[in-house]
């Protein structure tokens, strides 16, 4: 398996700047995110007046400029969702939503702020009836009844796969529009999830209208909460705890942008992405020197 020097998660200003800087430092990289870039950028229609060098552009215009620069630099965006990042000592293993694994010597988190907070019971039953990856864990629930909380229409394909494997699938969309599936055993429920209950493992999902018995609750978000994405990651309230070099408490893992706290500004995020990439490159170079000593 190919091992990248740096895996970057997020395609906002922090992740994109980190990718450019790492590329300039001659490091092999893989960039996870969306070719539409940050949703936050796409919805800003008013001029942004404090980004040096880009005068009075909207968020959408800025996103196009950023994307053009990334493409000109030969950097590809991998549109796969990273479900978990495991620290393996000298490297990291990234588990993807299609059950693929990617290895990297260092990782930079730039996923922005994940809205909301975990459901009551979510952390308690993680790995015991709560999952973030349908394609990964579906075989564990073959012939059983499961429930899916879908954060966007992009999660519908994973749910369709569950329909092939599981006996019954309840699907709760957290977005507008009517989901469409190819399997008749997938039932759409327009209710609000409140709590996951159980004993030794999760056994039901409580909504604002009922309690749904289930063998597993699949929570499919566009991005996971940082402490769930990376087991053992130190937090400072709702932000990832970093130092001035954007280092986290896990060696080789860096974070930048909105994920590390306020102010939530594009220019601040880009600067931190630059620092994170320089720190990651320095970390890698130091490891090489130590190996030769």
C-alpha atoms as a PDB file:
ATOM      1  CA  UNK A   1       0.000   0.000   0.000  1.00  0.00           C
ATOM      2  CA  UNK A   2       1.296   3.442  -0.928  1.00  0.00           C
ATOM      3  CA  UNK A   3       1.977   5.643   2.070  1.00  0.00           C
ATOM      4  CA  UNK A   4       1.601   9.387   1.511  1.00  0.00           C
ATOM      5  CA  UNK A   5       3.745  11.911   3.318  1.00  0.00           C
ATOM      6  CA  UNK A   6       0.728  14.020   4.273  1.00  0.00           C
ATOM      7  CA  UNK A   7      -3.004  13.320   4.215  1.00  0.00           C
ATOM      8  CA  UNK A   8      -5.100  16.489   4.336  1.00  0.00           C
ATOM      9  CA  UNK A   9      -8.771  16.324   5.287  1.00  0.00           C
ATOM     10  CA  UNK A  10     -10.878  19.318   4.275  1.00  0.00           C
ATOM     11  CA  UNK A  11     -11.140  21.604   1.251  1.00  0.00           C
ATOM     12  CA  UNK A  12     -11.736  24.949   2.885  1.00  0.00           C
ATOM     13  CA  UNK A  13      -9.010  27.637   2.936  1.00  0.00           C
ATOM     14  CA  UNK A  14      -7.013  25.752   5.604  1.00  0.00           C
ATOM     15  CA  UNK A  15      -6.927  22.446   3.739  1.00  0.00           C
ATOM     16  CA  UNK A  16      -6.262  24.015   0.340  1.00  0.00           C
ATOM     17  CA  UNK A  17      -3.421  26.198   1.638  1.00  0.00           C
ATOM     18  CA  UNK A  18      -1.941  23.197   3.433  1.00  0.00           C
ATOM     19  CA  UNK A  19      -2.063  21.216   0.179  1.00  0.00           C
ATOM     20  CA  UNK A  20      -0.347  23.982  -1.807  1.00  0.00           C
ATOM     21  CA  UNK A  21       2.356  24.466   0.811  1.00  0.00           C
ATOM     22  CA  UNK A  22       2.994  20.723   1.167  1.00  0.00           C
ATOM     23  CA  UNK A  23       3.214  20.410  -2.611  1.00  0.00           C
ATOM     24  CA  UNK A  24       5.762  23.235  -2.685  1.00  0.00           C
ATOM     25  CA  UNK A  25       7.749  21.388  -0.010  1.00  0.00           C
ATOM     26  CA  UNK A  26       7.925  18.402  -2.382  1.00  0.00           C
ATOM     27  CA  UNK A  27       5.799  16.117  -0.203  1.00  0.00           C
ATOM     28  CA  UNK A  28       3.467  13.452  -1.527  1.00  0.00           C
ATOM     29  CA  UNK A  29      -0.071  14.334  -0.503  1.00  0.00           C
ATOM     30  CA  UNK A  30      -3.659  13.161  -0.701  1.00  0.00           C
ATOM     31  CA  UNK A  31      -6.412  15.746  -0.232  1.00  0.00           C
ATOM     32  CA  UNK A  32      -9.868  14.637   0.921  1.00  0.00           C
ATOM     33  CA  UNK A  33     -12.887  16.870   0.479  1.00  0.00           C
ATOM     34  CA  UNK A  34     -15.329  18.196  -2.080  1.00  0.00           C
ATOM     35  CA  UNK A  35     -14.673  19.714  -5.496  1.00  0.00           C
ATOM     36  CA  UNK A  36     -17.321  22.254  -4.502  1.00  0.00           C
ATOM     37  CA  UNK A  37     -14.913  23.190  -1.694  1.00  0.00           C
ATOM     38  CA  UNK A  38     -16.236  24.549   1.579  1.00  0.00           C
ATOM     39  CA  UNK A  39     -20.053  24.919   1.818  1.00  0.00           C
ATOM     40  CA  UNK A  40     -19.399  28.047   3.882  1.00  0.00           C
ATOM     41  CA  UNK A  41     -17.691  29.670   0.891  1.00  0.00           C
ATOM     42  CA  UNK A  42     -20.495  28.783  -1.510  1.00  0.00           C
ATOM     43  CA  UNK A  43     -23.197  30.602   0.464  1.00  0.00           C
ATOM     44  CA  UNK A  44     -21.388  33.921   0.991  1.00  0.00           C
ATOM     45  CA  UNK A  45     -22.778  36.279  -1.657  1.00  0.00           C
ATOM     46  CA  UNK A  46     -21.526  39.548  -0.193  1.00  0.00           C
ATOM     47  CA  UNK A  47     -18.015  40.890  -0.949  1.00  0.00           C
ATOM     48  CA  UNK A  48     -15.190  39.766   1.351  1.00  0.00           C
ATOM     49  CA  UNK A  49     -13.044  42.805   2.036  1.00  0.00           C
ATOM     50  CA  UNK A  50     -10.235  41.544   4.282  1.00  0.00           C
ATOM     51  CA  UNK A  51      -8.546  38.822   2.213  1.00  0.00           C
ATOM     52  CA  UNK A  52      -5.249  40.275   1.012  1.00  0.00           C
ATOM     53  CA  UNK A  53      -4.814  40.110  -2.761  1.00  0.00           C
ATOM     54  CA  UNK A  54      -8.446  39.281  -3.528  1.00  0.00           C
ATOM     55  CA  UNK A  55     -10.367  42.530  -3.603  1.00  0.00           C
ATOM     56  CA  UNK A  56     -14.106  42.466  -2.936  1.00  0.00           C
ATOM     57  CA  UNK A  57     -14.809  38.918  -4.115  1.00  0.00           C
ATOM     58  CA  UNK A  58     -17.730  36.858  -2.839  1.00  0.00           C
ATOM     59  CA  UNK A  59     -17.206  33.507  -1.175  1.00  0.00           C
ATOM     60  CA  UNK A  60     -18.323  31.716  -4.328  1.00  0.00           C
ATOM     61  CA  UNK A  61     -15.910  33.744  -6.475  1.00  0.00           C
ATOM     62  CA  UNK A  62     -13.116  33.045  -4.012  1.00  0.00           C
ATOM     63  CA  UNK A  63     -13.862  29.321  -4.155  1.00  0.00           C
ATOM     64  CA  UNK A  64     -13.509  29.346  -7.957  1.00  0.00           C
ATOM     65  CA  UNK A  65     -10.175  31.158  -7.719  1.00  0.00           C
ATOM     66  CA  UNK A  66      -8.939  28.679  -5.124  1.00  0.00           C
ATOM     67  CA  UNK A  67     -10.074  25.693  -7.188  1.00  0.00           C
ATOM     68  CA  UNK A  68      -8.372  27.032 -10.314  1.00  0.00           C
ATOM     69  CA  UNK A  69      -5.110  27.440  -8.394  1.00  0.00           C
ATOM     70  CA  UNK A  70      -5.330  23.938  -6.932  1.00  0.00           C
ATOM     71  CA  UNK A  71      -5.934  22.445 -10.374  1.00  0.00           C
ATOM     72  CA  UNK A  72      -3.054  24.434 -11.901  1.00  0.00           C
ATOM     73  CA  UNK A  73      -0.794  23.041  -9.178  1.00  0.00           C
ATOM     74  CA  UNK A  74      -1.780  19.513 -10.193  1.00  0.00           C
ATOM     75  CA  UNK A  75      -3.489  18.741  -6.893  1.00  0.00           C
ATOM     76  CA  UNK A  76      -6.438  16.369  -7.073  1.00  0.00           C
ATOM     77  CA  UNK A  77      -9.324  16.324  -4.618  1.00  0.00           C
ATOM     78  CA  UNK A  78     -10.368  12.864  -3.476  1.00  0.00           C
ATOM     79  CA  UNK A  79     -14.131  12.944  -2.893  1.00  0.00           C
ATOM     80  CA  UNK A  80     -14.300  10.160  -0.341  1.00  0.00           C
ATOM     81  CA  UNK A  81     -15.413  10.554   3.256  1.00  0.00           C
ATOM     82  CA  UNK A  82     -12.867   9.759   5.932  1.00  0.00           C
ATOM     83  CA  UNK A  83     -14.684   7.985   8.755  1.00  0.00           C
ATOM     84  CA  UNK A  84     -11.813   7.359  11.193  1.00  0.00           C
ATOM     85  CA  UNK A  85      -8.140   8.254  11.535  1.00  0.00           C
ATOM     86  CA  UNK A  86      -6.089   5.780  13.537  1.00  0.00           C
ATOM     87  CA  UNK A  87      -2.653   6.699  14.933  1.00  0.00           C
ATOM     88  CA  UNK A  88      -0.426   3.661  14.349  1.00  0.00           C
ATOM     89  CA  UNK A  89       2.792   5.006  15.883  1.00  0.00           C
ATOM     90  CA  UNK A  90       4.989   6.098  12.975  1.00  0.00           C
ATOM     91  CA  UNK A  91       2.089   6.535  10.579  1.00  0.00           C
ATOM     92  CA  UNK A  92      -1.702   6.903  10.339  1.00  0.00           C
ATOM     93  CA  UNK A  93      -4.378   4.712   8.785  1.00  0.00           C
ATOM     94  CA  UNK A  94      -7.390   6.523   7.326  1.00  0.00           C
ATOM     95  CA  UNK A  95     -10.557   4.451   7.066  1.00  0.00           C
ATOM     96  CA  UNK A  96     -12.787   5.625   4.193  1.00  0.00           C
ATOM     97  CA  UNK A  97     -16.538   5.282   3.730  1.00  0.00           C
ATOM     98  CA  UNK A  98     -16.076   2.781   0.871  1.00  0.00           C
ATOM     99  CA  UNK A  99     -14.135   0.511   3.266  1.00  0.00           C
ATOM    100  CA  UNK A 100     -10.821   1.432   1.631  1.00  0.00           C
ATOM    101  CA  UNK A 101      -7.746   2.170   3.751  1.00  0.00           C
ATOM    102  CA  UNK A 102      -5.158   4.889   3.123  1.00  0.00           C
ATOM    103  CA  UNK A 103      -1.851   5.314   4.951  1.00  0.00           C
ATOM    104  CA  UNK A 104      -0.024   8.583   5.599  1.00  0.00           C
ATOM    105  CA  UNK A 105       2.999   9.539   7.688  1.00  0.00           C
ATOM    106  CA  UNK A 106       1.270  12.718   8.877  1.00  0.00           C
ATOM    107  CA  UNK A 107      -2.269  14.100   8.824  1.00  0.00           C
ATOM    108  CA  UNK A 108      -3.652  17.647   8.735  1.00  0.00           C
ATOM    109  CA  UNK A 109      -7.255  18.198   9.849  1.00  0.00           C
ATOM    110  CA  UNK A 110      -9.037  21.130   8.235  1.00  0.00           C
ATOM    111  CA  UNK A 111     -12.665  19.994   8.371  1.00  0.00           C
ATOM    112  CA  UNK A 112     -14.074  23.221   9.787  1.00  0.00           C
ATOM    113  CA  UNK A 113     -16.706  23.377  12.486  1.00  0.00           C
ATOM    114  CA  UNK A 114     -19.038  20.397  12.636  1.00  0.00           C
ATOM    115  CA  UNK A 115     -22.493  21.704  13.549  1.00  0.00           C
ATOM    116  CA  UNK A 116     -24.373  20.354  16.523  1.00  0.00           C
ATOM    117  CA  UNK A 117     -23.158  17.833  19.052  1.00  0.00           C
ATOM    118  CA  UNK A 118     -23.305  14.047  19.453  1.00  0.00           C
ATOM    119  CA  UNK A 119     -26.678  12.531  20.268  1.00  0.00           C
ATOM    120  CA  UNK A 120     -27.103  11.296  23.843  1.00  0.00           C
ATOM    121  CA  UNK A 121     -25.882   7.716  23.805  1.00  0.00           C
ATOM    122  CA  UNK A 122     -23.854   8.154  20.602  1.00  0.00           C
ATOM    123  CA  UNK A 123     -20.423   8.070  22.223  1.00  0.00           C
ATOM    124  CA  UNK A 124     -21.513   5.441  24.743  1.00  0.00           C
ATOM    125  CA  UNK A 125     -22.573   2.929  22.081  1.00  0.00           C
ATOM    126  CA  UNK A 126     -19.984   3.711  19.397  1.00  0.00           C
ATOM    127  CA  UNK A 127     -18.809   0.334  18.124  1.00  0.00           C
ATOM    128  CA  UNK A 128     -21.660  -1.350  20.005  1.00  0.00           C
ATOM    129  CA  UNK A 129     -24.646  -0.568  17.830  1.00  0.00           C
ATOM    130  CA  UNK A 130     -23.567   2.854  16.591  1.00  0.00           C
ATOM    131  CA  UNK A 131     -21.543   3.166  13.375  1.00  0.00           C
ATOM    132  CA  UNK A 132     -20.362   5.948  11.082  1.00  0.00           C
ATOM    133  CA  UNK A 133     -19.738   3.768   8.027  1.00  0.00           C
ATOM    134  CA  UNK A 134     -22.482   1.740   6.350  1.00  0.00           C
ATOM    135  CA  UNK A 135     -20.299   0.020   3.764  1.00  0.00           C
ATOM    136  CA  UNK A 136     -17.762  -0.910   6.458  1.00  0.00           C
ATOM    137  CA  UNK A 137     -20.104  -2.383   9.044  1.00  0.00           C
ATOM    138  CA  UNK A 138     -23.099  -3.547   7.004  1.00  0.00           C
ATOM    139  CA  UNK A 139     -21.935  -7.213   6.982  1.00  0.00           C
ATOM    140  CA  UNK A 140     -22.147  -7.221  10.794  1.00  0.00           C
ATOM    141  CA  UNK A 141     -25.896  -6.592  10.524  1.00  0.00           C
ATOM    142  CA  UNK A 142     -26.810  -8.938   7.689  1.00  0.00           C
ATOM    143  CA  UNK A 143     -30.475  -9.886   7.976  1.00  0.00           C
ATOM    144  CA  UNK A 144     -31.047  -7.463  10.854  1.00  0.00           C
ATOM    145  CA  UNK A 145     -33.029  -4.234  11.246  1.00  0.00           C
ATOM    146  CA  UNK A 146     -31.039  -0.990  11.241  1.00  0.00           C
ATOM    147  CA  UNK A 147     -31.675   2.752  11.321  1.00  0.00           C
ATOM    148  CA  UNK A 148     -29.832   5.429   9.364  1.00  0.00           C
ATOM    149  CA  UNK A 149     -29.571   9.131  10.223  1.00  0.00           C
ATOM    150  CA  UNK A 150     -28.647  10.757   6.908  1.00  0.00           C
ATOM    151  CA  UNK A 151     -27.015  14.173   6.979  1.00  0.00           C
ATOM    152  CA  UNK A 152     -27.316  14.822   3.232  1.00  0.00           C
ATOM    153  CA  UNK A 153     -28.540  13.250   0.004  1.00  0.00           C
ATOM    154  CA  UNK A 154     -24.999  11.996  -0.592  1.00  0.00           C
ATOM    155  CA  UNK A 155     -25.585   9.393   2.117  1.00  0.00           C
ATOM    156  CA  UNK A 156     -28.398   7.728   0.161  1.00  0.00           C
ATOM    157  CA  UNK A 157     -26.047   5.458  -1.806  1.00  0.00           C
ATOM    158  CA  UNK A 158     -24.613   3.989   1.414  1.00  0.00           C
ATOM    159  CA  UNK A 159     -28.147   3.418   2.648  1.00  0.00           C
ATOM    160  CA  UNK A 160     -29.039   1.623  -0.583  1.00  0.00           C
ATOM    161  CA  UNK A 161     -26.167  -0.766   0.130  1.00  0.00           C
ATOM    162  CA  UNK A 162     -27.622  -1.440   3.571  1.00  0.00           C
ATOM    163  CA  UNK A 163     -30.891  -2.300   1.829  1.00  0.00           C
ATOM    164  CA  UNK A 164     -29.092  -5.116   0.008  1.00  0.00           C
ATOM    165  CA  UNK A 165     -27.702  -6.604   3.208  1.00  0.00           C
ATOM    166  CA  UNK A 166     -30.153  -5.852   6.022  1.00  0.00           C
ATOM    167  CA  UNK A 167     -33.720  -7.067   6.519  1.00  0.00           C
ATOM    168  CA  UNK A 168     -35.224  -3.623   7.155  1.00  0.00           C
ATOM    169  CA  UNK A 169     -33.731  -0.137   7.032  1.00  0.00           C
ATOM    170  CA  UNK A 170     -35.328   2.957   8.573  1.00  0.00           C
ATOM    171  CA  UNK A 171     -33.941   6.147   7.032  1.00  0.00           C
ATOM    172  CA  UNK A 172     -34.233   9.504   8.790  1.00  0.00           C
ATOM    173  CA  UNK A 173     -33.149  12.384   6.509  1.00  0.00           C
ATOM    174  CA  UNK A 174     -31.907  15.594   8.135  1.00  0.00           C
ATOM    175  CA  UNK A 175     -32.337  17.538   4.908  1.00  0.00           C
ATOM    176  CA  UNK A 176     -35.119  18.761   2.638  1.00  0.00           C
ATOM    177  CA  UNK A 177     -36.435  16.708  -0.229  1.00  0.00           C
ATOM    178  CA  UNK A 178     -37.711  13.158  -0.554  1.00  0.00           C
ATOM    179  CA  UNK A 179     -34.959  10.499  -0.633  1.00  0.00           C
ATOM    180  CA  UNK A 180     -35.095   7.896  -3.389  1.00  0.00           C
ATOM    181  CA  UNK A 181     -33.920   4.308  -2.963  1.00  0.00           C
ATOM    182  CA  UNK A 182     -33.877   1.199  -5.130  1.00  0.00           C
ATOM    183  CA  UNK A 183     -34.862  -1.236  -2.368  1.00  0.00           C
ATOM    184  CA  UNK A 184     -38.390  -1.589  -1.002  1.00  0.00           C
ATOM    185  CA  UNK A 185     -37.142  -2.500   2.481  1.00  0.00           C
ATOM    186  CA  UNK A 186     -35.878   1.056   3.078  1.00  0.00           C
ATOM    187  CA  UNK A 187     -38.492   3.166   4.864  1.00  0.00           C
ATOM    188  CA  UNK A 188     -38.177   6.952   5.051  1.00  0.00           C
ATOM    189  CA  UNK A 189     -39.173   8.462   8.405  1.00  0.00           C
ATOM    190  CA  UNK A 190     -39.459  12.245   8.691  1.00  0.00           C
ATOM    191  CA  UNK A 191     -38.800  12.613  12.408  1.00  0.00           C
ATOM    192  CA  UNK A 192     -36.166  14.255  14.596  1.00  0.00           C
ATOM    193  CA  UNK A 193     -33.622  11.953  16.270  1.00  0.00           C
ATOM    194  CA  UNK A 194     -33.208  12.663  19.985  1.00  0.00           C
ATOM    195  CA  UNK A 195     -31.382   9.842  21.785  1.00  0.00           C
ATOM    196  CA  UNK A 196     -29.843   6.408  21.352  1.00  0.00           C
ATOM    197  CA  UNK A 197     -30.771   3.911  24.068  1.00  0.00           C
ATOM    198  CA  UNK A 198     -29.570   0.461  25.043  1.00  0.00           C
ATOM    199  CA  UNK A 199     -27.848  -1.715  27.613  1.00  0.00           C
ATOM    200  CA  UNK A 200     -24.680  -3.551  26.628  1.00  0.00           C
ATOM    201  CA  UNK A 201     -25.320  -2.280  23.080  1.00  0.00           C
ATOM    202  CA  UNK A 202     -27.666   0.142  21.342  1.00  0.00           C
ATOM    203  CA  UNK A 203     -31.187  -1.244  20.990  1.00  0.00           C
ATOM    204  CA  UNK A 204     -33.343   1.732  19.977  1.00  0.00           C
ATOM    205  CA  UNK A 205     -33.423   5.265  18.600  1.00  0.00           C
ATOM    206  CA  UNK A 206     -35.756   7.742  20.262  1.00  0.00           C
ATOM    207  CA  UNK A 207     -37.268  10.404  17.982  1.00  0.00           C
ATOM    208  CA  UNK A 208     -39.660  13.247  18.673  1.00  0.00           C
ATOM    209  CA  UNK A 209     -42.552  10.872  17.840  1.00  0.00           C
ATOM    210  CA  UNK A 210     -41.577   7.313  18.759  1.00  0.00           C
ATOM    211  CA  UNK A 211     -38.908   4.861  19.935  1.00  0.00           C
ATOM    212  CA  UNK A 212     -37.604   2.750  17.056  1.00  0.00           C
ATOM    213  CA  UNK A 213     -36.183  -0.698  17.933  1.00  0.00           C
ATOM    214  CA  UNK A 214     -32.966  -1.237  15.997  1.00  0.00           C
ATOM    215  CA  UNK A 215     -29.882  -3.424  15.895  1.00  0.00           C
ATOM    216  CA  UNK A 216     -27.647  -0.531  14.827  1.00  0.00           C
ATOM    217  CA  UNK A 217     -27.859   3.223  14.298  1.00  0.00           C
ATOM    218  CA  UNK A 218     -25.750   4.367  11.349  1.00  0.00           C
ATOM    219  CA  UNK A 219     -24.999   8.095  11.714  1.00  0.00           C
ATOM    220  CA  UNK A 220     -23.854   9.333   8.307  1.00  0.00           C
ATOM    221  CA  UNK A 221     -22.604  12.894   8.532  1.00  0.00           C
ATOM    222  CA  UNK A 222     -20.620  14.842   5.940  1.00  0.00           C
ATOM    223  CA  UNK A 223     -17.906  15.167   8.599  1.00  0.00           C
ATOM    224  CA  UNK A 224     -17.429  13.587  11.984  1.00  0.00           C
ATOM    225  CA  UNK A 225     -16.820  15.439  15.218  1.00  0.00           C
ATOM    226  CA  UNK A 226     -13.020  15.708  15.599  1.00  0.00           C
ATOM    227  CA  UNK A 227     -12.779  13.584  18.747  1.00  0.00           C
ATOM    228  CA  UNK A 228     -14.763  10.823  17.002  1.00  0.00           C
ATOM    229  CA  UNK A 229     -12.804  11.117  13.771  1.00  0.00           C
ATOM    230  CA  UNK A 230      -9.497  10.702  15.636  1.00  0.00           C
ATOM    231  CA  UNK A 231      -9.633   8.585  18.810  1.00  0.00           C
ATOM    232  CA  UNK A 232      -7.593  10.136  21.604  1.00  0.00           C
ATOM    233  CA  UNK A 233      -7.567  13.644  20.129  1.00  0.00           C
ATOM    234  CA  UNK A 234      -7.400  16.362  22.809  1.00  0.00           C
ATOM    235  CA  UNK A 235     -10.109  19.021  22.665  1.00  0.00           C
ATOM    236  CA  UNK A 236     -10.499  22.488  24.160  1.00  0.00           C
ATOM    237  CA  UNK A 237     -14.274  22.772  24.561  1.00  0.00           C
ATOM    238  CA  UNK A 238     -15.529  22.275  20.984  1.00  0.00           C
ATOM    239  CA  UNK A 239     -12.195  23.044  19.293  1.00  0.00           C
ATOM    240  CA  UNK A 240      -9.149  20.881  18.628  1.00  0.00           C
ATOM    241  CA  UNK A 241      -6.337  21.814  21.008  1.00  0.00           C
ATOM    242  CA  UNK A 242      -3.192  22.922  19.151  1.00  0.00           C
ATOM    243  CA  UNK A 243      -0.019  24.906  19.801  1.00  0.00           C
ATOM    244  CA  UNK A 244       1.449  27.712  17.708  1.00  0.00           C
ATOM    245  CA  UNK A 245       2.795  25.185  15.200  1.00  0.00           C
ATOM    246  CA  UNK A 246      -0.686  23.672  14.808  1.00  0.00           C
ATOM    247  CA  UNK A 247       0.452  20.471  16.529  1.00  0.00           C
ATOM    248  CA  UNK A 248      -2.153  18.392  18.340  1.00  0.00           C
ATOM    249  CA  UNK A 249      -1.484  16.071  21.268  1.00  0.00           C
ATOM    250  CA  UNK A 250      -0.842  13.218  18.781  1.00  0.00           C
ATOM    251  CA  UNK A 251       2.605  13.215  17.168  1.00  0.00           C
ATOM    252  CA  UNK A 252       2.351  13.757  13.415  1.00  0.00           C
ATOM    253  CA  UNK A 253      -1.217  15.061  13.573  1.00  0.00           C
ATOM    254  CA  UNK A 254      -1.891  18.735  12.903  1.00  0.00           C
ATOM    255  CA  UNK A 255      -5.060  20.839  12.687  1.00  0.00           C
ATOM    256  CA  UNK A 256      -5.902  24.226  11.194  1.00  0.00           C
ATOM    257  CA  UNK A 257      -8.781  26.570  10.423  1.00  0.00           C
ATOM    258  CA  UNK A 258     -12.181  26.813  12.067  1.00  0.00           C
ATOM    259  CA  UNK A 259     -11.672  23.402  13.675  1.00  0.00           C
ATOM    260  CA  UNK A 260      -9.137  24.940  16.106  1.00  0.00           C
ATOM    261  CA  UNK A 261     -11.396  27.812  17.182  1.00  0.00           C
ATOM    262  CA  UNK A 262     -12.285  31.415  16.568  1.00  0.00           C
ATOM    263  CA  UNK A 263     -12.053  33.774  14.817  1.00  0.00           C
ATOM    264  CA  UNK A 264     -13.777  32.036  11.917  1.00  0.00           C
ATOM    265  CA  UNK A 265     -12.081  33.952   9.127  1.00  0.00           C
ATOM    266  CA  UNK A 266     -10.877  32.722   5.730  1.00  0.00           C
ATOM    267  CA  UNK A 267      -7.591  34.594   6.006  1.00  0.00           C
ATOM    268  CA  UNK A 268      -6.883  33.125   9.449  1.00  0.00           C
ATOM    269  CA  UNK A 269      -7.692  29.619   8.220  1.00  0.00           C
ATOM    270  CA  UNK A 270      -5.379  29.907   5.216  1.00  0.00           C
ATOM    271  CA  UNK A 271      -2.534  31.127   7.419  1.00  0.00           C
ATOM    272  CA  UNK A 272      -2.967  28.240   9.801  1.00  0.00           C
ATOM    273  CA  UNK A 273      -3.086  25.787   6.891  1.00  0.00           C
ATOM    274  CA  UNK A 274       0.266  27.153   5.766  1.00  0.00           C
ATOM    275  CA  UNK A 275       1.735  26.712   9.261  1.00  0.00           C
ATOM    276  CA  UNK A 276       0.339  23.185   9.603  1.00  0.00           C
ATOM    277  CA  UNK A 277       1.900  22.096   6.302  1.00  0.00           C
ATOM    278  CA  UNK A 278       5.272  23.610   7.204  1.00  0.00           C
ATOM    279  CA  UNK A 279       5.134  21.878  10.598  1.00  0.00           C
ATOM    280  CA  UNK A 280       4.208  18.552   8.979  1.00  0.00           C
ATOM    281  CA  UNK A 281       7.047  18.876   6.470  1.00  0.00           C
ATOM    282  CA  UNK A 282       9.495  19.752   9.255  1.00  0.00           C
ATOM    283  CA  UNK A 283       8.280  16.744  11.272  1.00  0.00           C
ATOM    284  CA  UNK A 284       8.846  14.431   8.292  1.00  0.00           C
ATOM    285  CA  UNK A 285      12.309  15.845   7.595  1.00  0.00           C
ATOM    286  CA  UNK A 286      13.285  15.405  11.243  1.00  0.00           C
ATOM    287  CA  UNK A 287      12.151  11.776  11.141  1.00  0.00           C
ATOM    288  CA  UNK A 288      14.333  11.156   8.091  1.00  0.00           C
ATOM    289  CA  UNK A 289      17.357  12.714   9.803  1.00  0.00           C
ATOM    290  CA  UNK A 290      16.776  10.581  12.889  1.00  0.00           C
ATOM    291  CA  UNK A 291      16.531   7.431  10.751  1.00  0.00           C
ATOM    292  CA  UNK A 292      19.909   8.159   9.156  1.00  0.00           C
ATOM    293  CA  UNK A 293      21.665   9.052  12.416  1.00  0.00           C
END
